[in-house]
C-alpha atoms as a PDB file:
ATOM      1  CA  MET A   1     -16.221  37.394 -69.341  1.00  0.00           C
ATOM      2  CA  LYS A   2     -19.605  36.004 -69.335  1.00  0.00           C
ATOM      3  CA  LYS A   3     -21.632  37.366 -66.810  1.00  0.00           C
ATOM      4  CA  GLU A   4     -21.644  34.239 -64.843  1.00  0.00           C
ATOM      5  CA  ASN A   5     -18.191  33.842 -64.793  1.00  0.00           C
ATOM      6  CA  SER A   6     -17.587  37.257 -63.680  1.00  0.00           C
ATOM      7  CA  GLN A   7     -20.062  36.540 -60.812  1.00  0.00           C
ATOM      8  CA  LEU A   8     -18.212  33.147 -60.068  1.00  0.00           C
ATOM      9  CA  ILE A   9     -14.925  34.842 -60.135  1.00  0.00           C
ATOM     10  CA  ILE A  10     -16.216  37.349 -57.557  1.00  0.00           C
ATOM     11  CA  ASN A  11     -17.863  35.055 -55.447  1.00  0.00           C
ATOM     12  CA  LEU A  12     -14.565  33.228 -55.084  1.00  0.00           C
ATOM     13  CA  PHE A  13     -12.560  36.029 -54.393  1.00  0.00           C
ATOM     14  CA  PHE A  14     -14.762  36.837 -51.506  1.00  0.00           C
ATOM     15  CA  LYS A  15     -14.607  33.473 -50.128  1.00  0.00           C
ATOM     16  CA  GLU A  16     -10.898  32.859 -50.401  1.00  0.00           C
ATOM     17  CA  LEU A  17     -10.535  36.259 -48.773  1.00  0.00           C
ATOM     18  CA  GLU A  18     -12.915  36.076 -46.056  1.00  0.00           C
ATOM     19  CA  ASN A  19     -11.178  32.603 -45.141  1.00  0.00           C
ATOM     20  CA  ASP A  20      -7.745  34.154 -45.391  1.00  0.00           C
ATOM     21  CA  PHE A  21      -9.009  36.944 -42.832  1.00  0.00           C
ATOM     22  CA  PHE A  22     -10.612  34.530 -40.217  1.00  0.00           C
ATOM     23  CA  VAL A  23      -7.569  31.984 -40.376  1.00  0.00           C
ATOM     24  CA  LEU A  24      -5.427  35.238 -39.491  1.00  0.00           C
ATOM     25  CA  VAL A  25      -8.123  36.121 -36.622  1.00  0.00           C
ATOM     26  CA  ASP A  26      -7.931  32.583 -35.421  1.00  0.00           C
ATOM     27  CA  LEU A  27      -4.149  33.114 -34.886  1.00  0.00           C
ATOM     28  CA  ASN A  28      -4.648  36.295 -33.165  1.00  0.00           C
ATOM     29  CA  LYS A  29      -2.967  38.586 -35.984  1.00  0.00           C
ATOM     30  CA  TYR A  30      -5.944  40.758 -36.348  1.00  0.00           C
ATOM     31  CA  GLU A  31      -8.743  41.287 -33.776  1.00  0.00           C
ATOM     32  CA  GLY A  32     -11.438  41.097 -36.551  1.00  0.00           C
ATOM     33  CA  SER A  33     -12.528  44.662 -37.211  1.00  0.00           C
ATOM     34  CA  LEU A  34     -13.103  46.727 -40.002  1.00  0.00           C
ATOM     35  CA  HIS A  35      -9.950  48.287 -39.163  1.00  0.00           C
ATOM     36  CA  ASP A  36      -7.987  45.422 -39.330  1.00  0.00           C
ATOM     37  CA  PHE A  37      -9.746  44.278 -42.284  1.00  0.00           C
ATOM     38  CA  ILE A  38      -8.726  47.104 -44.400  1.00  0.00           C
ATOM     39  CA  ASP A  39      -4.823  46.452 -42.935  1.00  0.00           C
ATOM     40  CA  PHE A  40      -5.108  42.656 -44.250  1.00  0.00           C
ATOM     41  CA  LEU A  41      -6.209  44.183 -47.815  1.00  0.00           C
ATOM     42  CA  LEU A  42      -3.339  46.700 -47.979  1.00  0.00           C
ATOM     43  CA  ASP A  43      -0.995  43.842 -46.016  1.00  0.00           C
ATOM     44  CA  LYS A  44      -1.882  41.348 -49.022  1.00  0.00           C
ATOM     45  CA  GLY A  45      -1.107  44.252 -51.718  1.00  0.00           C
ATOM     46  CA  LEU A  46      -4.704  44.375 -52.775  1.00  0.00           C
ATOM     47  CA  ILE A  47      -4.985  48.122 -52.544  1.00  0.00           C
ATOM     48  CA  ASN A  48      -2.024  49.943 -54.043  1.00  0.00           C
ATOM     49  CA  ASN A  49      -0.706  53.035 -52.801  1.00  0.00           C
ATOM     50  CA  ALA A  50      -1.986  54.901 -55.381  1.00  0.00           C
ATOM     51  CA  SER A  51      -5.524  53.912 -55.428  1.00  0.00           C
ATOM     52  CA  LEU A  52      -5.279  54.876 -51.316  1.00  0.00           C
ATOM     53  CA  ARG A  53      -3.865  58.340 -52.467  1.00  0.00           C
ATOM     54  CA  ARG A  54      -6.707  58.874 -55.268  1.00  0.00           C
ATOM     55  CA  PHE A  55      -9.621  57.919 -52.852  1.00  0.00           C
ATOM     56  CA  VAL A  56      -8.616  60.117 -49.810  1.00  0.00           C
ATOM     57  CA  LEU A  57      -7.932  62.951 -52.010  1.00  0.00           C
ATOM     58  CA  PHE A  58     -11.442  62.663 -53.662  1.00  0.00           C
ATOM     59  CA  GLU A  59     -13.083  62.162 -50.436  1.00  0.00           C
ATOM     60  CA  GLU A  60     -10.946  65.281 -49.014  1.00  0.00           C
ATOM     61  CA  VAL A  61     -12.405  67.154 -51.930  1.00  0.00           C
ATOM     62  CA  LEU A  62     -16.081  66.201 -50.929  1.00  0.00           C
ATOM     63  CA  ARG A  63     -15.840  67.326 -47.485  1.00  0.00           C
ATOM     64  CA  HIS A  64     -14.190  70.307 -47.923  1.00  0.00           C
ATOM     65  CA  THR A  65     -16.622  71.729 -51.100  1.00  0.00           C
ATOM     66  CA  LYS A  66     -19.978  70.118 -49.988  1.00  0.00           C
ATOM     67  CA  ASN A  67     -22.987  72.152 -48.430  1.00  0.00           C
ATOM     68  CA  GLY A  68     -21.139  75.743 -49.808  1.00  0.00           C
ATOM     69  CA  GLY A  69     -17.886  74.832 -48.223  1.00  0.00           C
ATOM     70  CA  LEU A  70     -15.160  75.938 -50.170  1.00  0.00           C
ATOM     71  CA  PRO A  71     -14.771  76.995 -53.533  1.00  0.00           C
ATOM     72  CA  ARG A  72     -13.461  73.904 -55.606  1.00  0.00           C
ATOM     73  CA  THR A  73     -10.385  75.711 -56.908  1.00  0.00           C
ATOM     74  CA  LYS A  74      -9.136  77.024 -53.331  1.00  0.00           C
ATOM     75  CA  ALA A  75     -10.094  73.401 -52.083  1.00  0.00           C
ATOM     76  CA  VAL A  76      -7.723  72.083 -54.394  1.00  0.00           C
ATOM     77  CA  LYS A  77      -5.086  74.400 -53.524  1.00  0.00           C
ATOM     78  CA  MET A  78      -5.163  73.644 -50.070  1.00  0.00           C
ATOM     79  CA  LEU A  79      -5.194  69.872 -50.169  1.00  0.00           C
ATOM     80  CA  ALA A  80      -2.679  70.188 -52.619  1.00  0.00           C
ATOM     81  CA  GLU A  81      -0.500  71.915 -49.865  1.00  0.00           C
ATOM     82  CA  LYS A  82      -1.462  69.814 -47.492  1.00  0.00           C
ATOM     83  CA  PHE A  83      -0.738  66.572 -49.079  1.00  0.00           C
ATOM     84  CA  ASN A  84       2.465  67.815 -50.677  1.00  0.00           C
ATOM     85  CA  VAL A  85       0.921  66.945 -54.385  1.00  0.00           C
ATOM     86  CA  SER A  86       0.366  68.651 -57.514  1.00  0.00           C
ATOM     87  CA  GLU A  87      -2.669  70.415 -57.996  1.00  0.00           C
ATOM     88  CA  ARG A  88      -3.075  69.451 -61.548  1.00  0.00           C
ATOM     89  CA  LEU A  89      -2.822  65.667 -59.464  1.00  0.00           C
ATOM     90  CA  ILE A  90      -6.232  66.621 -57.706  1.00  0.00           C
ATOM     91  CA  TRP A  91      -8.213  68.005 -60.913  1.00  0.00           C
ATOM     92  CA  ALA A  92      -7.042  64.816 -62.411  1.00  0.00           C
ATOM     93  CA  VAL A  93      -8.451  62.803 -59.321  1.00  0.00           C
ATOM     94  CA  ILE A  94     -11.654  64.981 -59.808  1.00  0.00           C
ATOM     95  CA  ARG A  95     -12.012  64.225 -63.591  1.00  0.00           C
ATOM     96  CA  GLU A  96     -11.405  60.383 -63.233  1.00  0.00           C
ATOM     97  CA  HIS A  97     -14.301  60.516 -60.504  1.00  0.00           C
ATOM     98  CA  LYS A  98     -16.605  62.518 -63.075  1.00  0.00           C
ATOM     99  CA  LYS A  99     -16.192  60.170 -65.814  1.00  0.00           C
ATOM    100  CA  GLY A 100     -17.079  57.154 -63.877  1.00  0.00           C
ATOM    101  CA  GLN A 101     -19.005  57.754 -60.694  1.00  0.00           C
ATOM    102  CA  LYS A 102     -22.151  58.680 -59.359  1.00  0.00           C
ATOM    103  CA  ASN A 103     -21.189  61.510 -57.366  1.00  0.00           C
ATOM    104  CA  PRO A 104     -18.927  63.703 -59.235  1.00  0.00           C
ATOM    105  CA  VAL A 105     -18.026  66.944 -57.390  1.00  0.00           C
END
């Protein structure tokens, strides 16, 4: 897809999303806060559970390991127990972010 078409798609996506959200705000389904907007995105199915889980796990690893916090291995073990997921899943999330993100752990 050409860059112009990609930008057009993104602009229309934002416009439609914003319109839909504010219609629901006007109908008093939401108050218009950031929290409400995130609920709206979840309700629309635009954020799936797997993406939400990966985001939370990665942010938790960052939080526990930054500024001389826990060693990464200990943080992974602790978070695996806390969230009842495998350590392997958390390591996969870390690797995923290392491949494509600006802030790898």
